Amino acid sequence: MEPPLTRGQHHDVAILCGDEAVTYGQVAERMNRAGNTLRTLGVEKGNRVMMMVLDRPELVYAYLGALKIGAVPVALNLRLTAEDLAYSIADSGCAVLILDGMFVGLYREVEDGLPVKPAVVTTHAEGGGFPDLMELAAAESPDLDAVRMAADEPAFWMYSSGTTGKPKGVVHTQRTVFTSPRHLGESLGVGRGDRIYCSSKLFFAFSLGHCLLASLHLGATTILYPDWPDAKAVAGVISKFKPTIVLSVPTFYRNLLRANVTGGEAFRDVRHYISAGEKLPAGLFEEWQAATGRPILEGIGATETCFLFIAATPGSHKAGRTGKPTPGTKVKLIDDQGELVEEDDTPGVLWVRMDSVAQGYWNLDDKTRAVFKDGWYCTSDVFVRDSEGFYEYHGRGDDMLKISGQWVAPGEIETEVLKNPRVAEAAVVGVPNEDGLIRLALFMVGPDGAADRSAVEQELTDHLTSTLSIYKCPRRMYFVDAMPQTATGKIQRFALRRLAEEHEAARPQPAA
């Protein structure tokens, strides 16, 4: 991470966090001390260094210090269970574990059962019995030569969410680090003087790739918020630090509008809003633009690519469309017969080729071979490309449903449902009926009151039957107070399927 210093940015602010402003010169010195500390703890080239640390400057120092000595930093999900923490430690064989003080108790729960215990250091811990990272670093040299690494050697890992089993260690190479500026730099013109804030935590690829690696590479300022944010907190960060680039997820953009906090000057001064994590409804796009005067630039990425591979840009965006391939990215759509989709408006599973595609999954050869082929990565996301070259997200391939012998994309139905102004959120899942046939169930966050809900159901029934094929029209509609969500704000469809099955089981059965 030397380029900003060679551009004379030694005194420019690299990190803002609370009342602390850290310059690029200070980051360079402190990451060197952190790197030397890790070496003193016995870390060697290729060793994993796991970090369960809140979004504070100390995480940045440790992460960059590990990279500089050729070690492999791994930022962990801050909402891991004790079981998943133990699994990640054992799976990675990490040499060092860095813990924020609030997670020391979680580690103590699993410490005795670990096959091999890593060296443990802490940050912001009072007691706990482990040495403090920054106290150790203070005794180390501020000078550190970088270890020379080949482009295809491991640089860092990220663990997938583990929603379909145990978390998978996604291995990224050095090449990923040096391709980090492409989208933010080439598409959005981010550089010196910009302030970048992401509501997602740094252990997520969306934030790590764009708000840490790309931001610092480009000489911008990264804004960190240690606690888990809500709409009020996000609004406070934007008002206080006045970012020029904001990255968030549709749920947060919707919550900010609901909280009625977007009318201030700070929100209008943001140059670009970026959204990822799930499909951005066209209605939300339009509502946000009306409130702030700025469009939300939608995109999609993955842990396996670190950065966005399809995204909208200031000069090329369309409500309801995800965007076009980012700089240096090639994409292709493959149908369910394994054939290349060449026609417009035809769904297919998206495959991506870019320099930041991961090397594979740690110790999972079969899963690696299934989705990484000849430099391409299978996203398992279903897209449609229109005549203008825009790609529209239609959902996960494993969320696709076969109804009456026809494939149905939940996202197509959800887009139509969200055109109703009284529906705030919508999700369609498949649930077996009493005959074992899969039928559609629509869940919504909407109005209170039986009469209003009944009216919305009738409005939706009329609209959907007039715009969609009959097999795409849900027969079951349910209202919920809030959608079950993952830590990233994505809807937990498995929880909705379970809820739909419970409703289905409770329905009166026909007499024998």
Protein backbone atom coordinates (compact mmCIF):
# COMPACT_ATOMS: atom_id res chain seq x y z
CA MET A 1 0.00 0.00 0.00
CA GLU A 2 2.84 2.40 -0.87
CA PRO A 3 1.35 4.37 -3.83
CA PRO A 4 -0.32 7.14 -1.73
CA LEU A 5 2.98 7.88 0.00
CA THR A 6 4.87 8.10 -3.29
CA ARG A 7 2.20 10.58 -4.42
CA GLY A 8 3.02 12.86 -1.52
CA GLN A 9 0.09 11.85 0.67
CA HIS A 10 2.09 11.27 3.85
CA HIS A 11 -0.01 13.84 5.72
CA ASP A 12 -3.35 13.11 4.03
CA VAL A 13 -5.98 11.46 6.20
CA ALA A 14 -6.31 7.75 5.40
CA ILE A 15 -8.80 6.74 8.13
CA LEU A 16 -11.53 8.54 10.05
CA CYS A 17 -13.01 6.71 13.02
CA GLY A 18 -14.94 8.48 15.76
CA ASP A 19 -12.76 11.39 16.85
CA GLU A 20 -9.59 9.82 15.45
CA ALA A 21 -7.98 10.88 12.17
CA VAL A 22 -5.08 8.71 10.98
CA THR A 23 -2.76 9.92 8.21
CA TYR A 24 -1.23 7.75 5.51
CA GLY A 25 2.15 8.23 7.15
CA GLN A 26 0.77 6.94 10.46
CA VAL A 27 -0.90 3.97 8.75
CA ALA A 28 2.43 3.06 7.11
CA GLU A 29 4.30 3.22 10.41
CA ARG A 30 1.68 1.34 12.41
CA MET A 31 1.18 -1.40 9.85
CA ASN A 32 4.96 -1.89 9.82
CA ARG A 33 4.98 -2.22 13.61
CA ALA A 34 2.04 -4.63 13.41
CA GLY A 35 3.83 -6.69 10.76
CA ASN A 36 6.96 -6.88 12.91
CA THR A 37 4.81 -7.88 15.88
CA LEU A 38 3.34 -10.77 13.91
CA ARG A 39 6.85 -11.90 12.96
CA THR A 40 7.88 -11.78 16.61
CA LEU A 41 4.88 -14.01 17.36
CA GLY A 42 6.26 -16.52 14.89
CA VAL A 43 4.15 -15.73 11.82
CA GLU A 44 5.82 -16.74 8.57
CA LYS A 45 5.02 -16.32 4.89
CA GLY A 46 1.77 -18.09 4.07
CA ASN A 47 0.58 -18.40 7.68
CA ARG A 48 -3.00 -17.38 8.36
CA VAL A 49 -3.69 -14.52 10.75
CA MET A 50 -7.34 -14.46 11.84
CA MET A 51 -8.97 -11.27 13.06
CA MET A 52 -12.24 -10.88 14.90
CA VAL A 53 -11.96 -7.15 15.43
CA LEU A 54 -14.45 -4.29 15.19
CA ASP A 55 -14.04 -1.79 12.35
CA ARG A 56 -11.30 0.28 13.93
CA PRO A 57 -7.85 1.46 12.72
CA GLU A 58 -6.21 -1.46 14.56
CA LEU A 59 -7.89 -3.88 12.16
CA VAL A 60 -6.37 -1.99 9.23
CA TYR A 61 -2.88 -1.98 10.75
CA ALA A 62 -2.96 -5.70 11.45
CA TYR A 63 -4.47 -6.57 8.08
CA LEU A 64 -1.97 -4.56 6.05
CA GLY A 65 0.92 -5.62 8.27
CA ALA A 66 0.07 -9.27 7.66
CA LEU A 67 -0.10 -8.67 3.90
CA LYS A 68 3.28 -6.93 3.94
CA ILE A 69 5.09 -9.88 5.56
CA GLY A 70 3.50 -12.38 3.17
CA ALA A 71 1.07 -13.75 5.73
CA VAL A 72 -2.63 -14.29 4.95
CA PRO A 73 -5.07 -12.07 6.89
CA VAL A 74 -8.59 -13.43 7.46
CA ALA A 75 -11.21 -11.01 8.84
CA LEU A 76 -13.97 -13.00 10.55
CA ASN A 77 -17.69 -12.39 10.74
CA LEU A 78 -18.37 -10.45 13.94
CA ARG A 79 -21.53 -12.48 14.55
CA LEU A 80 -19.96 -15.92 14.49
CA THR A 81 -21.19 -18.47 16.97
CA ALA A 82 -18.64 -20.13 19.23
CA GLU A 83 -19.01 -23.29 17.13
CA ASP A 84 -18.24 -21.44 13.87
CA LEU A 85 -15.29 -19.65 15.48
CA ALA A 86 -13.82 -22.97 16.55
CA TYR A 87 -14.42 -24.41 13.08
CA SER A 88 -12.72 -21.44 11.36
CA ILE A 89 -9.68 -21.61 13.65
CA ALA A 90 -9.25 -25.34 13.10
CA ASP A 91 -10.02 -25.20 9.37
CA SER A 92 -7.52 -22.41 8.69
CA GLY A 93 -4.80 -23.64 11.03
CA CYS A 94 -4.17 -19.99 11.85
CA ALA A 95 -0.93 -19.07 13.59
CA VAL A 96 -2.32 -15.99 15.32
CA LEU A 97 -5.81 -14.91 16.35
CA ILE A 98 -6.45 -11.21 17.01
CA LEU A 99 -9.55 -10.58 19.10
CA ASP A 100 -11.43 -7.45 19.99
CA GLY A 101 -11.94 -7.45 23.74
CA MET A 102 -15.67 -8.17 23.41
CA PHE A 103 -14.91 -11.54 21.75
CA VAL A 104 -12.44 -12.90 24.31
CA GLY A 105 -15.26 -14.67 26.16
CA LEU A 106 -16.42 -16.31 22.92
CA TYR A 107 -12.93 -17.68 22.35
CA ARG A 108 -12.70 -18.94 25.93
CA GLU A 109 -15.79 -21.08 25.27
CA VAL A 110 -13.96 -23.08 22.61
CA GLU A 111 -10.30 -22.76 23.61
CA ASP A 112 -9.97 -26.08 25.43
CA GLY A 113 -11.47 -28.05 22.53
CA LEU A 114 -9.14 -26.72 19.84
CA PRO A 115 -6.74 -29.30 18.34
CA VAL A 116 -4.04 -26.61 18.02
CA LYS A 117 -4.27 -23.28 19.80
CA PRO A 118 -3.12 -20.15 17.96
CA ALA A 119 -1.22 -17.34 19.63
CA VAL A 120 -3.86 -14.86 20.81
CA VAL A 121 -3.53 -11.08 21.07
CA THR A 122 -6.26 -8.54 21.71
CA THR A 123 -7.33 -4.99 21.02
CA HIS A 124 -9.46 -2.82 23.29
CA ALA A 125 -9.53 -5.50 25.99
CA GLU A 126 -9.40 -4.92 29.72
CA GLY A 127 -7.81 -7.98 31.20
CA GLY A 128 -8.59 -11.29 29.55
CA GLY A 129 -5.11 -12.70 30.01
CA PHE A 130 -3.80 -11.98 26.50
CA PRO A 131 -1.24 -9.38 25.35
CA ASP A 132 -2.44 -6.21 23.63
CA LEU A 133 -1.55 -5.86 19.95
CA MET A 134 -0.74 -2.16 20.03
CA GLU A 135 1.31 -2.45 23.21
CA LEU A 136 3.38 -5.15 21.56
CA ALA A 137 3.65 -3.07 18.37
CA ALA A 138 4.95 -0.04 20.27
CA ALA A 139 8.11 -1.97 21.05
CA GLU A 140 8.70 -2.98 17.41
CA SER A 141 10.55 -1.19 14.62
CA PRO A 142 8.57 1.23 12.39
CA ASP A 143 10.55 -0.06 9.40
CA LEU A 144 9.59 -3.18 7.47
CA ASP A 145 10.54 -4.43 4.03
CA ALA A 146 7.74 -6.08 2.09
CA VAL A 147 8.08 -9.76 1.24
CA ARG A 148 8.13 -10.28 -2.52
CA MET A 149 5.17 -12.36 -3.63
CA ALA A 150 4.12 -13.83 -6.97
CA ALA A 151 0.79 -12.72 -8.42
CA ASP A 152 -0.78 -16.15 -7.93
CA GLU A 153 0.34 -16.63 -4.31
CA PRO A 154 -2.30 -16.32 -1.56
CA ALA A 155 -2.89 -12.81 -0.25
CA PHE A 156 -5.99 -13.01 1.99
CA TRP A 157 -8.96 -15.21 2.73
CA MET A 158 -12.58 -14.52 3.38
CA TYR A 159 -15.02 -17.02 4.83
CA SER A 160 -18.35 -17.39 3.08
CA SER A 161 -21.49 -16.98 5.16
CA GLY A 162 -22.04 -20.70 5.62
CA THR A 163 -25.81 -20.52 5.02
CA THR A 164 -25.69 -23.86 3.18
CA GLY A 165 -23.29 -25.62 5.53
CA LYS A 166 -19.98 -24.86 7.18
CA PRO A 167 -18.25 -21.62 6.12
CA LYS A 168 -15.93 -22.00 3.11
CA GLY A 169 -12.48 -20.40 3.14
CA VAL A 170 -12.24 -18.37 -0.09
CA VAL A 171 -8.58 -17.99 -1.08
CA HIS A 172 -7.68 -14.75 -2.88
CA THR A 173 -4.31 -14.13 -4.49
CA GLN A 174 -2.00 -11.13 -4.65
CA ARG A 175 -3.49 -10.30 -8.04
CA THR A 176 -6.79 -9.42 -6.34
CA VAL A 177 -5.13 -6.76 -4.17
CA PHE A 178 -3.63 -4.96 -7.14
CA THR A 179 -6.81 -4.99 -9.22
CA SER A 180 -8.75 -3.31 -6.41
CA PRO A 181 -8.91 0.23 -7.91
CA ARG A 182 -10.58 -0.73 -11.19
CA HIS A 183 -14.27 -0.06 -10.61
CA LEU A 184 -13.97 2.77 -8.09
CA GLY A 185 -11.09 4.37 -9.97
CA GLU A 186 -12.06 3.88 -13.61
CA SER A 187 -15.87 3.90 -13.39
CA LEU A 188 -16.42 6.38 -10.56
CA GLY A 189 -13.27 8.53 -10.63
CA VAL A 190 -12.47 7.99 -6.94
CA GLY A 191 -9.16 9.44 -5.81
CA ARG A 192 -7.39 11.80 -3.47
CA GLY A 193 -9.85 13.90 -1.49
CA ASP A 194 -12.69 11.41 -1.61
CA ARG A 195 -14.18 10.01 1.58
CA ILE A 196 -15.60 6.50 1.36
CA TYR A 197 -18.06 4.94 3.79
CA CYS A 198 -19.69 1.50 3.67
CA SER A 199 -22.47 0.51 6.07
CA SER A 200 -21.38 -3.15 5.80
CA LYS A 201 -18.60 -4.30 8.10
CA LEU A 202 -15.07 -4.85 6.80
CA PHE A 203 -15.25 -8.63 6.97
CA PHE A 204 -17.73 -8.53 4.06
CA ALA A 205 -16.21 -8.57 0.58
CA PHE A 206 -18.29 -5.54 -0.46
CA SER A 207 -16.70 -3.39 2.23
CA LEU A 208 -13.24 -4.97 2.39
CA GLY A 209 -12.69 -4.74 -1.36
CA HIS A 210 -14.02 -1.26 -1.97
CA CYS A 211 -13.80 0.62 1.34
CA LEU A 212 -10.39 -0.69 2.44
CA LEU A 213 -8.29 -2.13 -0.40
CA ALA A 214 -9.53 0.10 -3.23
CA SER A 215 -9.97 3.23 -1.11
CA LEU A 216 -6.44 3.18 0.30
CA HIS A 217 -4.92 2.17 -3.02
CA LEU A 218 -6.55 5.20 -4.64
CA GLY A 219 -5.44 7.58 -1.89
CA ALA A 220 -8.94 8.28 -0.58
CA THR A 221 -10.10 8.43 3.05
CA THR A 222 -11.82 5.41 4.60
CA ILE A 223 -14.52 6.12 7.19
CA LEU A 224 -14.91 3.43 9.85
CA TYR A 225 -17.76 2.91 12.28
CA PRO A 226 -16.98 0.29 14.95
CA ASP A 227 -20.49 -0.59 16.14
CA TRP A 228 -23.21 -2.44 14.24
CA PRO A 229 -25.13 0.32 12.41
CA ASP A 230 -28.83 1.09 12.15
CA ALA A 231 -30.47 3.80 10.04
CA LYS A 232 -29.90 6.46 12.70
CA ALA A 233 -26.21 5.56 13.01
CA VAL A 234 -25.67 5.57 9.24
CA ALA A 235 -27.33 8.97 8.98
CA GLY A 236 -25.09 10.21 11.79
CA VAL A 237 -21.94 9.02 10.02
CA ILE A 238 -22.99 10.70 6.78
CA SER A 239 -23.83 13.95 8.55
CA LYS A 240 -20.61 14.00 10.60
CA PHE A 241 -18.01 12.83 8.10
CA LYS A 242 -19.63 13.94 4.83
CA PRO A 243 -18.52 11.06 2.63
CA THR A 244 -18.40 11.56 -1.13
CA ILE A 245 -18.99 7.84 -1.83
CA VAL A 246 -21.48 5.73 0.15
CA LEU A 247 -21.83 1.97 -0.21
CA SER A 248 -24.80 0.18 1.34
CA VAL A 249 -27.51 -2.41 0.73
CA PRO A 250 -31.13 -1.89 -0.38
CA THR A 251 -32.46 -2.60 3.10
CA PHE A 252 -30.46 0.28 4.57
CA TYR A 253 -31.46 2.67 1.80
CA ARG A 254 -35.10 1.79 2.43
CA ASN A 255 -34.66 2.18 6.21
CA LEU A 256 -33.04 5.59 5.77
CA LEU A 257 -36.02 6.75 3.74
CA ARG A 258 -38.43 5.39 6.34
CA ALA A 259 -36.53 7.18 9.09
CA ASN A 260 -36.96 10.43 7.13
CA VAL A 261 -33.30 11.41 7.52
CA THR A 262 -32.25 11.79 3.88
CA GLY A 263 -33.33 15.36 3.28
CA GLY A 264 -30.23 17.04 4.69
CA GLU A 265 -27.42 18.70 2.79
CA ALA A 266 -24.93 15.93 3.66
CA PHE A 267 -27.01 13.35 1.76
CA ARG A 268 -27.24 15.60 -1.29
CA ASP A 269 -23.49 16.24 -1.19
CA VAL A 270 -22.69 12.54 -1.62
CA ARG A 271 -21.40 12.17 -5.18
CA HIS A 272 -22.23 8.51 -5.67
CA TYR A 273 -24.41 6.02 -3.81
CA ILE A 274 -23.63 2.35 -4.53
CA SER A 275 -25.84 -0.62 -3.69
CA ALA A 276 -25.14 -4.35 -3.64
CA GLY A 277 -26.10 -7.41 -1.63
CA GLU A 278 -29.54 -7.92 -3.19
CA LYS A 279 -31.67 -6.61 -6.04
CA LEU A 280 -32.45 -2.91 -5.84
CA PRO A 281 -36.18 -2.41 -6.55
CA ALA A 282 -36.95 0.19 -9.22
CA GLY A 283 -39.39 1.92 -6.86
CA LEU A 284 -36.69 2.32 -4.21
CA PHE A 285 -34.28 3.69 -6.83
CA GLU A 286 -36.83 6.33 -7.84
CA GLU A 287 -37.78 7.21 -4.25
CA TRP A 288 -34.13 7.67 -3.28
CA GLN A 289 -33.40 9.87 -6.28
CA ALA A 290 -36.40 12.02 -5.45
CA ALA A 291 -35.27 12.40 -1.82
CA THR A 292 -31.55 13.08 -2.39
CA GLY A 293 -31.24 14.17 -5.99
CA ARG A 294 -28.82 11.27 -6.56
CA PRO A 295 -29.33 7.88 -8.20
CA ILE A 296 -28.29 4.68 -6.48
CA LEU A 297 -25.76 2.87 -8.65
CA GLU A 298 -26.61 -0.81 -8.32
CA GLY A 299 -24.02 -3.59 -8.55
CA ILE A 300 -23.38 -7.19 -7.70
CA GLY A 301 -20.27 -8.98 -6.50
CA ALA A 302 -19.38 -12.06 -4.47
CA THR A 303 -16.97 -13.24 -1.82
CA GLU A 304 -15.35 -15.23 -4.63
CA THR A 305 -14.66 -12.08 -6.70
CA CYS A 306 -14.19 -9.57 -3.85
CA PHE A 307 -15.27 -6.70 -6.13
CA LEU A 308 -18.38 -5.91 -8.14
CA PHE A 309 -18.50 -7.69 -11.49
CA ILE A 310 -21.63 -6.02 -12.87
CA ALA A 311 -22.49 -2.46 -11.90
CA ALA A 312 -24.19 0.72 -12.94
CA THR A 313 -22.10 3.84 -13.52
CA PRO A 314 -22.89 7.56 -13.40
CA GLY A 315 -23.26 7.66 -17.17
CA SER A 316 -24.97 4.30 -17.60
CA HIS A 317 -27.70 3.25 -15.21
CA LYS A 318 -31.32 2.18 -15.43
CA ALA A 319 -33.89 1.59 -12.69
CA GLY A 320 -34.47 -2.11 -12.17
CA ARG A 321 -31.25 -3.16 -13.95
CA THR A 322 -28.05 -4.20 -12.18
CA GLY A 323 -25.74 -2.68 -14.79
CA LYS A 324 -23.01 -3.75 -17.17
CA PRO A 325 -19.70 -5.61 -16.64
CA THR A 326 -17.14 -3.61 -14.66
CA PRO A 327 -13.73 -2.70 -16.18
CA GLY A 328 -11.62 -5.77 -16.92
CA THR A 329 -14.56 -8.16 -16.44
CA LYS A 330 -15.92 -10.69 -18.93
CA VAL A 331 -19.27 -12.39 -18.39
CA LYS A 332 -21.36 -15.05 -20.08
CA LEU A 333 -24.80 -16.56 -19.51
CA ILE A 334 -25.25 -20.33 -19.55
CA ASP A 335 -28.67 -21.98 -19.82
CA ASP A 336 -29.85 -25.08 -17.94
CA GLN A 337 -28.61 -27.27 -20.83
CA GLY A 338 -25.09 -25.92 -20.45
CA GLU A 339 -25.31 -23.87 -23.65
CA LEU A 340 -24.24 -20.25 -24.14
CA VAL A 341 -27.17 -17.81 -24.08
CA GLU A 342 -26.80 -15.47 -27.03
CA GLU A 343 -30.34 -14.07 -27.33
CA ASP A 344 -31.45 -10.98 -25.43
CA ASP A 345 -34.10 -11.26 -22.71
CA THR A 346 -33.27 -14.93 -22.12
CA PRO A 347 -32.33 -16.08 -18.61
CA GLY A 348 -29.09 -17.86 -17.85
CA VAL A 349 -26.65 -18.47 -15.01
CA LEU A 350 -23.90 -15.85 -14.94
CA TRP A 351 -20.25 -16.87 -15.24
CA VAL A 352 -17.57 -14.25 -14.55
CA ARG A 353 -13.94 -13.88 -15.54
CA MET A 354 -11.84 -11.15 -13.90
CA ASP A 355 -8.41 -10.86 -12.28
CA SER A 356 -9.92 -10.90 -8.80
CA VAL A 357 -11.61 -14.29 -9.15
CA ALA A 358 -10.48 -16.38 -6.18
CA GLN A 359 -8.09 -19.28 -6.44
CA GLY A 360 -10.69 -21.58 -4.91
CA TYR A 361 -11.98 -22.90 -1.59
CA TRP A 362 -9.55 -24.04 1.07
CA ASN A 363 -9.42 -27.83 1.31
CA LEU A 364 -12.62 -28.22 -0.72
CA ASP A 365 -11.42 -29.54 -4.06
CA ASP A 366 -14.78 -30.85 -5.30
CA LYS A 367 -16.57 -27.57 -4.59
CA THR A 368 -13.70 -25.64 -6.17
CA ARG A 369 -13.85 -27.68 -9.37
CA ALA A 370 -17.63 -27.23 -9.54
CA VAL A 371 -17.57 -23.42 -9.78
CA PHE A 372 -14.03 -22.40 -10.81
CA LYS A 373 -13.18 -23.47 -14.38
CA ASP A 374 -10.40 -22.14 -16.63
CA GLY A 375 -10.37 -18.75 -14.93
CA TRP A 376 -14.18 -18.47 -14.88
CA TYR A 377 -16.35 -18.44 -11.77
CA CYS A 378 -19.96 -19.66 -11.75
CA THR A 379 -21.93 -17.18 -9.66
CA SER A 380 -25.10 -19.33 -9.54
CA ASP A 381 -26.99 -16.06 -10.13
CA VAL A 382 -29.61 -15.95 -12.88
CA PHE A 383 -29.54 -12.87 -15.11
CA VAL A 384 -31.22 -11.59 -18.24
CA ARG A 385 -29.41 -9.26 -20.66
CA ASP A 386 -31.50 -6.68 -22.50
CA SER A 387 -30.95 -5.19 -25.97
CA GLU A 388 -28.94 -2.28 -24.49
CA GLY A 389 -26.47 -4.62 -22.77
CA PHE A 390 -27.86 -4.09 -19.26
CA TYR A 391 -28.04 -7.15 -17.03
CA GLU A 392 -31.04 -7.71 -14.76
CA TYR A 393 -30.78 -9.94 -11.71
CA HIS A 394 -33.46 -12.63 -11.47
CA GLY A 395 -32.32 -14.42 -8.33
CA ARG A 396 -30.12 -17.30 -7.32
CA GLY A 397 -30.11 -20.31 -9.58
CA ASP A 398 -30.99 -22.48 -6.58
CA ASP A 399 -33.95 -20.14 -5.87
CA MET A 400 -35.43 -20.79 -9.30
CA LEU A 401 -38.70 -22.69 -9.05
CA LYS A 402 -40.37 -25.08 -11.45
CA ILE A 403 -44.11 -24.46 -11.41
CA SER A 404 -46.43 -26.43 -13.69
CA GLY A 405 -43.39 -27.57 -15.64
CA GLN A 406 -42.13 -23.99 -16.21
CA TRP A 407 -39.14 -22.27 -14.63
CA VAL A 408 -40.05 -19.24 -12.53
CA ALA A 409 -37.67 -16.53 -11.28
CA PRO A 410 -38.88 -15.12 -7.93
CA GLY A 411 -37.25 -11.77 -8.73
CA GLU A 412 -39.54 -11.21 -11.72
CA ILE A 413 -42.61 -11.58 -9.52
CA GLU A 414 -41.15 -9.50 -6.69
CA THR A 415 -40.45 -6.64 -9.10
CA GLU A 416 -44.12 -6.52 -10.07
CA VAL A 417 -45.30 -6.77 -6.45
CA LEU A 418 -43.09 -3.84 -5.40
CA LYS A 419 -44.79 -1.60 -7.92
CA ASN A 420 -47.62 -1.41 -5.40
CA PRO A 421 -46.80 1.63 -3.22
CA ARG A 422 -48.27 -0.04 -0.13
CA VAL A 423 -45.77 -2.94 -0.27
CA ALA A 424 -42.39 -2.10 1.30
CA GLU A 425 -40.66 -5.47 0.84
CA ALA A 426 -41.54 -8.66 -1.01
CA ALA A 427 -40.14 -12.17 -1.33
CA VAL A 428 -41.45 -15.18 -3.24
CA VAL A 429 -40.60 -18.76 -2.21
CA GLY A 430 -41.78 -22.20 -3.24
CA VAL A 431 -43.58 -24.50 -0.81
CA PRO A 432 -45.06 -27.96 -1.40
CA ASN A 433 -48.83 -28.23 -1.12
CA GLU A 434 -50.78 -31.21 0.21
CA ASP A 435 -50.07 -33.08 -3.02
CA GLY A 436 -46.34 -32.45 -2.82
CA LEU A 437 -46.40 -30.01 -5.75
CA ILE A 438 -44.38 -26.80 -5.45
CA ARG A 439 -46.54 -23.70 -5.35
CA LEU A 440 -45.66 -20.03 -4.95
CA ALA A 441 -45.95 -18.19 -1.63
CA LEU A 442 -45.61 -14.41 -1.49
CA PHE A 443 -44.42 -12.70 1.71
CA MET A 444 -44.79 -8.95 2.11
CA VAL A 445 -44.10 -6.13 4.51
CA GLY A 446 -47.12 -3.88 4.02
CA PRO A 447 -49.98 -2.07 5.70
CA ASP A 448 -51.44 -2.91 9.08
CA GLY A 449 -55.07 -3.82 9.45
CA ALA A 450 -57.04 -6.65 7.93
CA ALA A 451 -59.06 -4.44 5.60
CA ASP A 452 -56.00 -2.72 4.13
CA ARG A 453 -54.18 -6.01 3.71
CA SER A 454 -57.17 -7.58 2.03
CA ALA A 455 -57.33 -4.65 -0.37
CA VAL A 456 -53.62 -4.97 -1.20
CA GLU A 457 -54.04 -8.70 -1.86
CA GLN A 458 -56.83 -7.96 -4.33
CA GLU A 459 -54.81 -5.20 -6.00
CA LEU A 460 -51.85 -7.56 -6.40
CA THR A 461 -54.00 -10.39 -7.69
CA ASP A 462 -55.47 -8.11 -10.34
CA HIS A 463 -52.07 -6.66 -11.29
CA LEU A 464 -50.16 -9.95 -11.41
CA THR A 465 -52.79 -11.83 -13.38
CA SER A 466 -52.84 -9.02 -15.95
CA THR A 467 -49.05 -8.81 -16.36
CA LEU A 468 -47.67 -12.33 -15.71
CA SER A 469 -48.43 -15.83 -16.90
CA ILE A 470 -50.91 -17.51 -14.59
CA TYR A 471 -48.36 -20.02 -13.26
CA LYS A 472 -46.25 -17.07 -12.02
CA CYS A 473 -49.06 -15.68 -9.86
CA PRO A 474 -48.80 -16.67 -6.17
CA ARG A 475 -51.92 -18.28 -4.71
CA ARG A 476 -50.69 -17.78 -1.13
CA MET A 477 -50.01 -14.28 0.21
CA TYR A 478 -48.74 -13.54 3.71
CA PHE A 479 -47.93 -10.31 5.53
CA VAL A 480 -45.05 -10.12 8.01
CA ASP A 481 -43.85 -7.29 10.23
CA ALA A 482 -40.26 -7.68 8.99
CA MET A 483 -38.37 -10.00 6.68
CA PRO A 484 -35.91 -12.44 8.29
CA GLN A 485 -32.45 -11.28 7.24
CA THR A 486 -28.80 -12.32 7.29
CA ALA A 487 -26.13 -10.07 8.81
CA THR A 488 -25.65 -8.53 5.34
CA GLY A 489 -29.32 -7.59 5.04
CA LYS A 490 -30.23 -10.37 2.59
CA ILE A 491 -33.59 -12.04 2.97
CA GLN A 492 -33.40 -15.52 4.53
CA ARG A 493 -35.59 -17.40 2.11
CA PHE A 494 -35.17 -20.68 3.97
CA ALA A 495 -36.88 -19.07 6.98
CA LEU A 496 -39.74 -17.91 4.78
CA ARG A 497 -40.08 -21.39 3.27
CA ARG A 498 -40.31 -22.84 6.76
CA LEU A 499 -42.96 -20.27 7.69
CA ALA A 500 -44.91 -21.00 4.51
CA GLU A 501 -44.79 -24.73 5.24
CA GLU A 502 -46.16 -24.08 8.72
CA HIS A 503 -49.01 -22.02 7.25
CA GLU A 504 -49.67 -24.73 4.66
CA ALA A 505 -49.72 -27.47 7.31
CA ALA A 506 -52.21 -25.47 9.38
CA ARG A 507 -54.64 -25.03 6.48
CA PRO A 508 -57.85 -27.12 6.72
CA GLN A 509 -57.39 -30.33 4.76
CA PRO A 510 -60.10 -31.59 2.38
CA ALA A 511 -62.33 -34.33 3.76
CA ALA A 512 -61.38 -37.87 2.82
